[in-house]
Amino acid sequence: MEKSIIAEGKTTNEAIENGLKQLKVTKNMVDIKVLENEEKRSFFSILAPRVVKVELTIKEHEEKSKKTEKPIIELSEEEQEKAKQNVQKFLEEISCTLLNGAKYEIEKTKTGLNVNITEGNLGFLIGYRGETLYAFQNILTAVAGKNIENRVRVILDIEGYKEKREKTLEDLAEKVAKTVIKTRKSVTLEPMQPYERKIIHSKLQDNDKVETKSIGEEPRRRIVISLKK
């Protein structure tokens, strides 16, 4: 992917949108510079169509993350089954103690496993805003990938927490967006997991009045919702 490009359009916004499409990124992932038109417009050229040029440069941390991010590769049937056996054995070993005998389902997918744990007093495994759940998900990911060359992706849900959390975050996004439009002031949300930030970004990506961007470093990375310029 090119790190920097120059895009054109009849307006600044149109030029930016054209550039974003070429780079296949979102606005919060680039630095934008409006370039002056080097051509001197004569008296006879003022009626000619106006062309605005902008330079879009992918932010350094976004470029770095794209280079270091491991690609997700489809697993073979053997790898999927091996991953399932790894996790199933682990959950069986901790079922009577940590899981209090709760029920669990393991579904194989092309990139890993979906694990759903239900029917137990499992609030302690969810934790404050899902922090413990995501930590446990990381543990299961490591367990699932044992003796498997390709990356195994494990998605864990406990008592339907993620579905409920997604609805809460979507409602929050709409509420904050209305506040930003009304007060004309940006709002910075509390730190969130990458999965949760994605929900906020997705919910507001088609909003024509506000925009979102992420700031800070993990695990304190947070979203800023502001008016579109």
C-alpha atoms as a PDB file:
ATOM      1  CA  MET A   1       0.000   0.000   0.000  1.00  0.00           C
ATOM      2  CA  GLU A   2       1.259   3.489  -0.829  1.00  0.00           C
ATOM      3  CA  LYS A   3       2.116   5.562   2.209  1.00  0.00           C
ATOM      4  CA  SER A   4       1.189   8.884   0.592  1.00  0.00           C
ATOM      5  CA  ILE A   5      -0.852   9.919  -2.435  1.00  0.00           C
ATOM      6  CA  ILE A   6      -2.226  13.067  -4.055  1.00  0.00           C
ATOM      7  CA  ALA A   7      -5.926  13.013  -4.919  1.00  0.00           C
ATOM      8  CA  GLU A   8      -8.135  15.434  -6.847  1.00  0.00           C
ATOM      9  CA  GLY A   9     -11.736  16.542  -6.741  1.00  0.00           C
ATOM     10  CA  LYS A  10     -14.060  19.442  -7.445  1.00  0.00           C
ATOM     11  CA  THR A  11     -14.199  20.196  -3.714  1.00  0.00           C
ATOM     12  CA  THR A  12     -11.895  19.457  -0.787  1.00  0.00           C
ATOM     13  CA  ASN A  13     -14.249  16.818   0.586  1.00  0.00           C
ATOM     14  CA  GLU A  14     -14.532  15.129  -2.796  1.00  0.00           C
ATOM     15  CA  ALA A  15     -10.750  15.050  -3.177  1.00  0.00           C
ATOM     16  CA  ILE A  16     -10.354  13.547   0.303  1.00  0.00           C
ATOM     17  CA  GLU A  17     -12.994  10.887  -0.375  1.00  0.00           C
ATOM     18  CA  ASN A  18     -11.287   9.969  -3.650  1.00  0.00           C
ATOM     19  CA  GLY A  19      -7.979   9.608  -1.828  1.00  0.00           C
ATOM     20  CA  LEU A  20      -9.471   7.467   0.937  1.00  0.00           C
ATOM     21  CA  LYS A  21     -10.955   5.124  -1.662  1.00  0.00           C
ATOM     22  CA  GLN A  22      -7.574   4.755  -3.354  1.00  0.00           C
ATOM     23  CA  LEU A  23      -5.790   3.991  -0.082  1.00  0.00           C
ATOM     24  CA  LYS A  24      -8.697   1.871   1.207  1.00  0.00           C
ATOM     25  CA  VAL A  25      -8.537   3.491   4.648  1.00  0.00           C
ATOM     26  CA  THR A  26     -10.778   5.663   6.821  1.00  0.00           C
ATOM     27  CA  LYS A  27     -10.323   9.382   7.429  1.00  0.00           C
ATOM     28  CA  ASN A  28      -8.994   8.953  10.968  1.00  0.00           C
ATOM     29  CA  MET A  29      -6.118   6.811   9.621  1.00  0.00           C
ATOM     30  CA  VAL A  30      -4.497   9.564   7.525  1.00  0.00           C
ATOM     31  CA  ASP A  31      -3.003  13.044   7.773  1.00  0.00           C
ATOM     32  CA  ILE A  32      -4.544  15.431   5.227  1.00  0.00           C
ATOM     33  CA  LYS A  33      -2.875  18.415   3.581  1.00  0.00           C
ATOM     34  CA  VAL A  34      -4.677  20.667   1.103  1.00  0.00           C
ATOM     35  CA  LEU A  35      -2.267  21.586  -1.691  1.00  0.00           C
ATOM     36  CA  GLU A  36      -2.286  24.949  -3.421  1.00  0.00           C
ATOM     37  CA  ASN A  37      -3.029  24.905  -7.119  1.00  0.00           C
ATOM     38  CA  GLU A  38       0.310  25.615  -8.746  1.00  0.00           C
ATOM     39  CA  GLU A  39      -1.320  26.781 -11.966  1.00  0.00           C
ATOM     40  CA  LYS A  40      -1.999  30.506 -12.059  1.00  0.00           C
ATOM     41  CA  ARG A  41      -5.543  31.045 -13.207  1.00  0.00           C
ATOM     42  CA  SER A  42      -5.853  33.736 -15.841  1.00  0.00           C
ATOM     43  CA  PHE A  43      -8.882  35.920 -16.429  1.00  0.00           C
ATOM     44  CA  PHE A  44     -10.012  33.551 -19.191  1.00  0.00           C
ATOM     45  CA  SER A  45      -9.632  30.420 -17.027  1.00  0.00           C
ATOM     46  CA  ILE A  46     -11.771  31.450 -14.078  1.00  0.00           C
ATOM     47  CA  LEU A  47     -14.780  29.759 -15.647  1.00  0.00           C
ATOM     48  CA  ALA A  48     -12.904  26.464 -16.058  1.00  0.00           C
ATOM     49  CA  PRO A  49     -13.768  23.637 -13.661  1.00  0.00           C
ATOM     50  CA  ARG A  50     -11.978  24.036 -10.325  1.00  0.00           C
ATOM     51  CA  VAL A  51      -9.671  21.199  -9.268  1.00  0.00           C
ATOM     52  CA  VAL A  52      -8.697  20.767  -5.629  1.00  0.00           C
ATOM     53  CA  LYS A  53      -5.662  18.673  -4.785  1.00  0.00           C
ATOM     54  CA  VAL A  54      -5.019  17.075  -1.387  1.00  0.00           C
ATOM     55  CA  GLU A  55      -2.180  14.965  -0.082  1.00  0.00           C
ATOM     56  CA  LEU A  56      -3.134  11.990   2.110  1.00  0.00           C
ATOM     57  CA  THR A  57      -0.467  10.332   4.206  1.00  0.00           C
ATOM     58  CA  ILE A  58      -1.117   7.196   6.252  1.00  0.00           C
ATOM     59  CA  LYS A  59      -0.283   7.868   9.896  1.00  0.00           C
ATOM     60  CA  GLU A  60       2.890   6.167  11.061  1.00  0.00           C
ATOM     61  CA  HIS A  61       1.257   3.992  13.743  1.00  0.00           C
ATOM     62  CA  GLU A  62      -1.426   2.853  11.280  1.00  0.00           C
ATOM     63  CA  GLU A  63       1.233   1.893   8.715  1.00  0.00           C
ATOM     64  CA  LYS A  64       3.197   0.045  11.365  1.00  0.00           C
ATOM     65  CA  SER A  65       0.159  -1.856  12.619  1.00  0.00           C
ATOM     66  CA  LYS A  66      -0.719  -2.954   9.080  1.00  0.00           C
ATOM     67  CA  LYS A  67       2.817  -4.283   8.562  1.00  0.00           C
ATOM     68  CA  THR A  68       2.983  -6.161  11.859  1.00  0.00           C
ATOM     69  CA  GLU A  69      -0.572  -7.514  11.847  1.00  0.00           C
ATOM     70  CA  LYS A  70      -0.606 -11.258  11.295  1.00  0.00           C
ATOM     71  CA  PRO A  71      -2.803 -12.360   8.402  1.00  0.00           C
ATOM     72  CA  ILE A  72      -5.750 -14.585   9.247  1.00  0.00           C
ATOM     73  CA  ILE A  73      -5.464 -17.783   7.232  1.00  0.00           C
ATOM     74  CA  GLU A  74      -8.227 -20.326   6.727  1.00  0.00           C
ATOM     75  CA  LEU A  75      -7.539 -23.472   8.736  1.00  0.00           C
ATOM     76  CA  SER A  76      -7.667 -26.987   7.365  1.00  0.00           C
ATOM     77  CA  GLU A  77     -10.247 -29.445   8.700  1.00  0.00           C
ATOM     78  CA  GLU A  78      -7.481 -31.160  10.650  1.00  0.00           C
ATOM     79  CA  GLU A  79      -6.372 -27.862  12.226  1.00  0.00           C
ATOM     80  CA  GLN A  80      -9.938 -26.929  13.142  1.00  0.00           C
ATOM     81  CA  GLU A  81     -10.491 -30.292  14.802  1.00  0.00           C
ATOM     82  CA  LYS A  82      -7.153 -30.109  16.626  1.00  0.00           C
ATOM     83  CA  ALA A  83      -7.994 -26.614  17.926  1.00  0.00           C
ATOM     84  CA  LYS A  84     -11.396 -27.830  19.114  1.00  0.00           C
ATOM     85  CA  GLN A  85      -9.842 -30.781  20.928  1.00  0.00           C
ATOM     86  CA  ASN A  86      -7.285 -28.503  22.593  1.00  0.00           C
ATOM     87  CA  VAL A  87      -9.959 -26.162  23.952  1.00  0.00           C
ATOM     88  CA  GLN A  88     -12.388 -28.949  24.864  1.00  0.00           C
ATOM     89  CA  LYS A  89      -9.738 -30.736  26.929  1.00  0.00           C
ATOM     90  CA  PHE A  90      -8.799 -27.487  28.687  1.00  0.00           C
ATOM     91  CA  LEU A  91     -12.415 -26.607  29.523  1.00  0.00           C
ATOM     92  CA  GLU A  92     -13.088 -30.128  30.794  1.00  0.00           C
ATOM     93  CA  GLU A  93     -10.146 -29.818  33.178  1.00  0.00           C
ATOM     94  CA  ILE A  94     -11.389 -26.555  34.690  1.00  0.00           C
ATOM     95  CA  SER A  95     -15.134 -27.208  34.415  1.00  0.00           C
ATOM     96  CA  CYS A  96     -15.684 -28.422  37.979  1.00  0.00           C
ATOM     97  CA  THR A  97     -13.620 -25.669  39.582  1.00  0.00           C
ATOM     98  CA  LEU A  98     -13.449 -22.452  37.573  1.00  0.00           C
ATOM     99  CA  LEU A  99     -16.625 -22.924  35.522  1.00  0.00           C
ATOM    100  CA  ASN A 100     -18.749 -24.321  38.355  1.00  0.00           C
ATOM    101  CA  GLY A 101     -20.076 -27.021  36.035  1.00  0.00           C
ATOM    102  CA  ALA A 102     -21.398 -24.535  33.449  1.00  0.00           C
ATOM    103  CA  LYS A 103     -22.285 -25.745  29.949  1.00  0.00           C
ATOM    104  CA  TYR A 104     -20.218 -24.784  26.943  1.00  0.00           C
ATOM    105  CA  GLU A 105     -20.442 -25.141  23.168  1.00  0.00           C
ATOM    106  CA  ILE A 106     -17.508 -25.115  20.750  1.00  0.00           C
ATOM    107  CA  GLU A 107     -18.183 -24.358  17.093  1.00  0.00           C
ATOM    108  CA  LYS A 108     -15.493 -24.776  14.443  1.00  0.00           C
ATOM    109  CA  THR A 109     -15.038 -21.969  11.896  1.00  0.00           C
ATOM    110  CA  LYS A 110     -12.730 -21.482   8.921  1.00  0.00           C
ATOM    111  CA  THR A 111     -10.432 -19.253  10.988  1.00  0.00           C
ATOM    112  CA  GLY A 112     -10.802 -20.818  14.437  1.00  0.00           C
ATOM    113  CA  LEU A 113     -13.486 -21.420  17.032  1.00  0.00           C
ATOM    114  CA  ASN A 114     -16.581 -19.822  18.534  1.00  0.00           C
ATOM    115  CA  VAL A 115     -16.913 -20.720  22.212  1.00  0.00           C
ATOM    116  CA  ASN A 116     -20.096 -20.013  24.149  1.00  0.00           C
ATOM    117  CA  ILE A 117     -20.355 -20.642  27.910  1.00  0.00           C
ATOM    118  CA  THR A 118     -23.782 -20.614  29.600  1.00  0.00           C
ATOM    119  CA  GLU A 119     -25.863 -21.760  32.564  1.00  0.00           C
ATOM    120  CA  GLY A 120     -23.693 -20.859  35.505  1.00  0.00           C
ATOM    121  CA  ASN A 121     -22.865 -18.101  37.960  1.00  0.00           C
ATOM    122  CA  LEU A 122     -20.299 -16.647  35.588  1.00  0.00           C
ATOM    123  CA  GLY A 123     -20.268 -12.935  36.334  1.00  0.00           C
ATOM    124  CA  PHE A 124     -16.731 -13.220  37.729  1.00  0.00           C
ATOM    125  CA  LEU A 125     -15.568 -14.547  34.333  1.00  0.00           C
ATOM    126  CA  ILE A 126     -16.951 -11.483  32.557  1.00  0.00           C
ATOM    127  CA  GLY A 127     -15.497  -8.842  34.856  1.00  0.00           C
ATOM    128  CA  TYR A 128     -15.800  -5.077  34.627  1.00  0.00           C
ATOM    129  CA  ARG A 129     -16.946  -4.250  31.078  1.00  0.00           C
ATOM    130  CA  GLY A 130     -15.747  -7.635  29.865  1.00  0.00           C
ATOM    131  CA  GLU A 131     -12.089  -7.258  30.868  1.00  0.00           C
ATOM    132  CA  THR A 132     -11.902 -10.755  32.379  1.00  0.00           C
ATOM    133  CA  LEU A 133     -13.829 -12.235  29.445  1.00  0.00           C
ATOM    134  CA  TYR A 134     -11.301 -10.855  26.933  1.00  0.00           C
ATOM    135  CA  ALA A 135      -8.392 -12.070  29.077  1.00  0.00           C
ATOM    136  CA  PHE A 136      -9.951 -15.543  29.176  1.00  0.00           C
ATOM    137  CA  GLN A 137     -10.489 -15.345  25.410  1.00  0.00           C
ATOM    138  CA  ASN A 138      -6.747 -14.720  24.989  1.00  0.00           C
ATOM    139  CA  ILE A 139      -5.999 -17.780  27.122  1.00  0.00           C
ATOM    140  CA  LEU A 140      -8.306 -19.931  24.997  1.00  0.00           C
ATOM    141  CA  THR A 141      -6.649 -18.580  21.851  1.00  0.00           C
ATOM    142  CA  ALA A 142      -3.259 -19.685  23.142  1.00  0.00           C
ATOM    143  CA  VAL A 143      -4.641 -23.099  24.149  1.00  0.00           C
ATOM    144  CA  ALA A 144      -6.390 -23.609  20.795  1.00  0.00           C
ATOM    145  CA  GLY A 145      -3.229 -22.838  18.816  1.00  0.00           C
ATOM    146  CA  LYS A 146      -1.060 -25.406  20.585  1.00  0.00           C
ATOM    147  CA  ASN A 147       0.854 -27.474  18.014  1.00  0.00           C
ATOM    148  CA  ILE A 148      -0.896 -25.655  15.150  1.00  0.00           C
ATOM    149  CA  GLU A 149       1.267 -23.684  12.723  1.00  0.00           C
ATOM    150  CA  ASN A 150      -1.389 -21.216  11.516  1.00  0.00           C
ATOM    151  CA  ARG A 151      -3.033 -18.575  13.683  1.00  0.00           C
ATOM    152  CA  VAL A 152      -6.224 -19.762  15.401  1.00  0.00           C
ATOM    153  CA  ARG A 153      -8.865 -17.139  16.159  1.00  0.00           C
ATOM    154  CA  VAL A 154     -11.083 -17.828  19.177  1.00  0.00           C
ATOM    155  CA  ILE A 155     -14.237 -15.779  19.792  1.00  0.00           C
ATOM    156  CA  LEU A 156     -15.597 -16.265  23.320  1.00  0.00           C
ATOM    157  CA  ASP A 157     -18.980 -15.219  24.668  1.00  0.00           C
ATOM    158  CA  ILE A 158     -20.345 -15.812  28.166  1.00  0.00           C
ATOM    159  CA  GLU A 159     -24.077 -15.711  28.935  1.00  0.00           C
ATOM    160  CA  GLY A 160     -24.717 -13.601  25.807  1.00  0.00           C
ATOM    161  CA  TYR A 161     -22.629 -10.727  27.224  1.00  0.00           C
ATOM    162  CA  LYS A 162     -21.249  -9.529  23.882  1.00  0.00           C
ATOM    163  CA  GLU A 163     -24.675  -9.159  22.265  1.00  0.00           C
ATOM    164  CA  LYS A 164     -25.911  -7.126  25.238  1.00  0.00           C
ATOM    165  CA  ARG A 165     -22.726  -5.050  25.274  1.00  0.00           C
ATOM    166  CA  GLU A 166     -22.999  -4.364  21.542  1.00  0.00           C
ATOM    167  CA  LYS A 167     -26.519  -2.952  21.996  1.00  0.00           C
ATOM    168  CA  THR A 168     -25.308  -0.807  24.902  1.00  0.00           C
ATOM    169  CA  LEU A 169     -22.422   0.588  22.857  1.00  0.00           C
ATOM    170  CA  GLU A 170     -24.603   1.329  19.833  1.00  0.00           C
ATOM    171  CA  ASP A 171     -27.032   3.245  22.060  1.00  0.00           C
ATOM    172  CA  LEU A 172     -24.078   5.093  23.612  1.00  0.00           C
ATOM    173  CA  ALA A 173     -22.725   6.033  20.178  1.00  0.00           C
ATOM    174  CA  GLU A 174     -26.053   7.534  19.100  1.00  0.00           C
ATOM    175  CA  LYS A 175     -26.496   9.401  22.387  1.00  0.00           C
ATOM    176  CA  VAL A 176     -23.002  10.915  22.321  1.00  0.00           C
ATOM    177  CA  ALA A 177     -23.340  11.843  18.640  1.00  0.00           C
ATOM    178  CA  LYS A 178     -26.491  13.833  19.446  1.00  0.00           C
ATOM    179  CA  THR A 179     -24.648  15.561  22.299  1.00  0.00           C
ATOM    180  CA  VAL A 180     -21.736  16.487  20.011  1.00  0.00           C
ATOM    181  CA  ILE A 181     -24.105  17.905  17.380  1.00  0.00           C
ATOM    182  CA  LYS A 182     -26.019  19.891  19.995  1.00  0.00           C
ATOM    183  CA  THR A 183     -23.028  21.298  21.922  1.00  0.00           C
ATOM    184  CA  ARG A 184     -20.622  21.398  18.949  1.00  0.00           C
ATOM    185  CA  LYS A 185     -17.951  20.023  21.280  1.00  0.00           C
ATOM    186  CA  SER A 186     -15.967  16.803  20.919  1.00  0.00           C
ATOM    187  CA  VAL A 187     -16.484  13.978  23.421  1.00  0.00           C
ATOM    188  CA  THR A 188     -13.787  11.489  24.432  1.00  0.00           C
ATOM    189  CA  LEU A 189     -15.056   8.108  25.598  1.00  0.00           C
ATOM    190  CA  GLU A 190     -13.509   5.849  28.222  1.00  0.00           C
ATOM    191  CA  PRO A 191     -10.858   3.315  27.130  1.00  0.00           C
ATOM    192  CA  MET A 192     -12.345   0.314  25.327  1.00  0.00           C
ATOM    193  CA  GLN A 193     -11.333  -3.021  23.898  1.00  0.00           C
ATOM    194  CA  PRO A 194     -10.576  -3.014  20.115  1.00  0.00           C
ATOM    195  CA  TYR A 195     -13.760  -5.041  19.519  1.00  0.00           C
ATOM    196  CA  GLU A 196     -15.824  -2.409  21.350  1.00  0.00           C
ATOM    197  CA  ARG A 197     -14.203   0.523  19.540  1.00  0.00           C
ATOM    198  CA  LYS A 198     -15.044  -1.153  16.246  1.00  0.00           C
ATOM    199  CA  ILE A 199     -18.730  -1.180  17.232  1.00  0.00           C
ATOM    200  CA  ILE A 200     -18.670   2.587  17.882  1.00  0.00           C
ATOM    201  CA  HIS A 201     -16.829   3.326  14.628  1.00  0.00           C
ATOM    202  CA  SER A 202     -19.216   1.130  12.612  1.00  0.00           C
ATOM    203  CA  LYS A 203     -22.335   2.643  14.182  1.00  0.00           C
ATOM    204  CA  LEU A 204     -21.322   6.208  13.292  1.00  0.00           C
ATOM    205  CA  GLN A 205     -19.432   5.683  10.031  1.00  0.00           C
ATOM    206  CA  ASP A 206     -22.431   6.741   7.935  1.00  0.00           C
ATOM    207  CA  ASN A 207     -23.346   9.708  10.127  1.00  0.00           C
ATOM    208  CA  ASP A 208     -23.009  12.842   7.968  1.00  0.00           C
ATOM    209  CA  LYS A 209     -22.474  15.199  10.926  1.00  0.00           C
ATOM    210  CA  VAL A 210     -19.947  13.494  13.226  1.00  0.00           C
ATOM    211  CA  GLU A 211     -16.771  11.482  12.819  1.00  0.00           C
ATOM    212  CA  THR A 212     -14.797   9.146  15.072  1.00  0.00           C
ATOM    213  CA  LYS A 213     -11.112   8.523  15.639  1.00  0.00           C
ATOM    214  CA  SER A 214      -9.074   6.489  18.110  1.00  0.00           C
ATOM    215  CA  ILE A 215      -6.315   8.039  20.216  1.00  0.00           C
ATOM    216  CA  GLY A 216      -3.788   6.789  22.744  1.00  0.00           C
ATOM    217  CA  GLU A 217      -2.069   3.459  23.159  1.00  0.00           C
ATOM    218  CA  GLU A 218      -3.390   0.094  24.301  1.00  0.00           C
ATOM    219  CA  PRO A 219      -4.814  -0.705  26.775  1.00  0.00           C
ATOM    220  CA  ARG A 220      -5.862   2.955  27.299  1.00  0.00           C
ATOM    221  CA  ARG A 221      -6.848   3.585  23.681  1.00  0.00           C
ATOM    222  CA  ARG A 222     -10.135   5.493  23.409  1.00  0.00           C
ATOM    223  CA  ILE A 223     -12.493   7.026  20.861  1.00  0.00           C
ATOM    224  CA  VAL A 224     -13.067  10.718  20.191  1.00  0.00           C
ATOM    225  CA  ILE A 225     -16.386  11.709  18.596  1.00  0.00           C
ATOM    226  CA  SER A 226     -16.389  15.158  16.977  1.00  0.00           C
ATOM    227  CA  LEU A 227     -18.165  17.273  14.371  1.00  0.00           C
ATOM    228  CA  LYS A 228     -17.128  16.736  10.771  1.00  0.00           C
ATOM    229  CA  LYS A 229     -15.141  19.637   9.391  1.00  0.00           C
END
